[in-house]
Amino acid sequence: MKNGIPGSINFGPGIFFVKFLRLTSVFTSWKKLLKGPP
């Protein structure tokens, strides 16, 4: 992973945490796109 996250996070519950963070970031970016430019 190139995002500065240690490789050990790929094992155990860490991978779910990373997936959750990515999902939330995608969701927030979608909300910004739906709102349009400020």
N, C-alpha and C. Protein backbone atom coordinates (compact mmCIF):
# COMPACT_ATOMS: atom_id res chain seq x y z
N MET A 1 0.85 -1.19 0.00
CA MET A 1 0.00 0.00 0.00
C MET A 1 0.89 1.24 0.00
N LYS A 2 0.52 2.21 -0.80
CA LYS A 2 1.37 3.39 -0.96
C LYS A 2 0.89 4.57 -0.14
N ASN A 3 -0.15 4.39 0.67
CA ASN A 3 -0.72 5.52 1.41
C ASN A 3 -0.04 5.72 2.75
N GLY A 4 1.14 5.11 2.95
CA GLY A 4 1.85 5.29 4.20
C GLY A 4 1.31 4.40 5.30
N ILE A 5 0.45 3.44 4.94
CA ILE A 5 -0.10 2.52 5.93
C ILE A 5 0.80 1.29 6.00
N PRO A 6 1.21 0.89 7.20
CA PRO A 6 2.09 -0.27 7.33
C PRO A 6 1.43 -1.53 6.79
N GLY A 7 2.24 -2.45 6.25
CA GLY A 7 1.70 -3.67 5.66
C GLY A 7 1.00 -4.56 6.67
N SER A 8 1.34 -4.43 7.97
CA SER A 8 0.74 -5.30 8.97
C SER A 8 -0.76 -5.03 9.12
N ILE A 9 -1.21 -3.86 8.64
CA ILE A 9 -2.63 -3.53 8.79
C ILE A 9 -3.48 -4.36 7.83
N ASN A 10 -2.83 -5.00 6.84
CA ASN A 10 -3.57 -5.83 5.89
C ASN A 10 -4.09 -7.10 6.55
N PHE A 11 -3.55 -7.46 7.70
CA PHE A 11 -3.96 -8.68 8.38
C PHE A 11 -4.77 -8.32 9.62
N GLY A 12 -5.85 -9.06 9.84
CA GLY A 12 -6.69 -8.79 11.01
C GLY A 12 -7.73 -7.73 10.70
N PRO A 13 -8.29 -7.11 11.72
CA PRO A 13 -9.37 -6.13 11.55
C PRO A 13 -8.91 -4.85 10.88
N GLY A 14 -7.61 -4.66 10.74
CA GLY A 14 -7.10 -3.42 10.14
C GLY A 14 -7.60 -3.22 8.72
N ILE A 15 -7.71 -4.32 7.96
CA ILE A 15 -8.13 -4.21 6.57
C ILE A 15 -9.56 -3.70 6.49
N PHE A 16 -10.40 -4.10 7.43
CA PHE A 16 -11.79 -3.62 7.42
C PHE A 16 -11.83 -2.14 7.75
N PHE A 17 -10.94 -1.71 8.64
CA PHE A 17 -10.88 -0.29 9.01
C PHE A 17 -10.47 0.55 7.81
N VAL A 18 -9.49 0.07 7.05
CA VAL A 18 -9.04 0.79 5.86
C VAL A 18 -10.16 0.85 4.83
N LYS A 19 -10.86 -0.28 4.65
CA LYS A 19 -11.98 -0.30 3.69
C LYS A 19 -13.06 0.67 4.13
N PHE A 20 -13.32 0.73 5.44
CA PHE A 20 -14.34 1.64 5.96
C PHE A 20 -13.95 3.09 5.71
N LEU A 21 -12.67 3.40 5.94
CA LEU A 21 -12.20 4.77 5.70
C LEU A 21 -12.34 5.14 4.23
N ARG A 22 -12.02 4.21 3.35
CA ARG A 22 -12.13 4.49 1.91
C ARG A 22 -13.58 4.68 1.52
N LEU A 23 -14.47 3.86 2.08
CA LEU A 23 -15.89 3.99 1.76
C LEU A 23 -16.42 5.34 2.21
N THR A 24 -16.03 5.77 3.41
CA THR A 24 -16.52 7.05 3.92
C THR A 24 -15.97 8.21 3.09
N SER A 25 -14.70 8.10 2.67
CA SER A 25 -14.12 9.17 1.86
C SER A 25 -14.82 9.25 0.51
N VAL A 26 -15.13 8.10 -0.07
CA VAL A 26 -15.85 8.09 -1.36
C VAL A 26 -17.25 8.66 -1.17
N PHE A 27 -17.88 8.32 -0.05
CA PHE A 27 -19.24 8.81 0.21
C PHE A 27 -19.26 10.32 0.36
N THR A 28 -18.28 10.86 1.10
CA THR A 28 -18.23 12.31 1.30
C THR A 28 -17.93 13.02 -0.01
N SER A 29 -17.07 12.43 -0.83
CA SER A 29 -16.76 13.05 -2.13
C SER A 29 -18.00 13.04 -3.02
N TRP A 30 -18.79 11.97 -2.95
CA TRP A 30 -20.03 11.90 -3.74
C TRP A 30 -21.00 12.97 -3.26
N LYS A 31 -21.09 13.18 -1.95
CA LYS A 31 -21.99 14.20 -1.42
C LYS A 31 -21.57 15.58 -1.92
N LYS A 32 -20.26 15.81 -1.98
CA LYS A 32 -19.76 17.10 -2.48
C LYS A 32 -20.11 17.26 -3.96
N LEU A 33 -20.00 16.17 -4.72
CA LEU A 33 -20.32 16.24 -6.15
C LEU A 33 -21.81 16.51 -6.35
N LEU A 34 -22.64 15.87 -5.51
CA LEU A 34 -24.09 16.06 -5.65
C LEU A 34 -24.48 17.49 -5.27
N LYS A 35 -23.79 18.06 -4.28
CA LYS A 35 -24.08 19.44 -3.87
C LYS A 35 -23.65 20.42 -4.94
N GLY A 36 -22.60 20.08 -5.65
CA GLY A 36 -22.08 20.99 -6.67
C GLY A 36 -21.07 21.93 -6.05
N PRO A 37 -20.49 22.81 -6.86
CA PRO A 37 -19.50 23.75 -6.34
C PRO A 37 -20.11 24.72 -5.34
N PRO A 38 -19.38 25.05 -4.29
CA PRO A 38 -19.90 25.96 -3.25
C PRO A 38 -20.09 27.38 -3.77
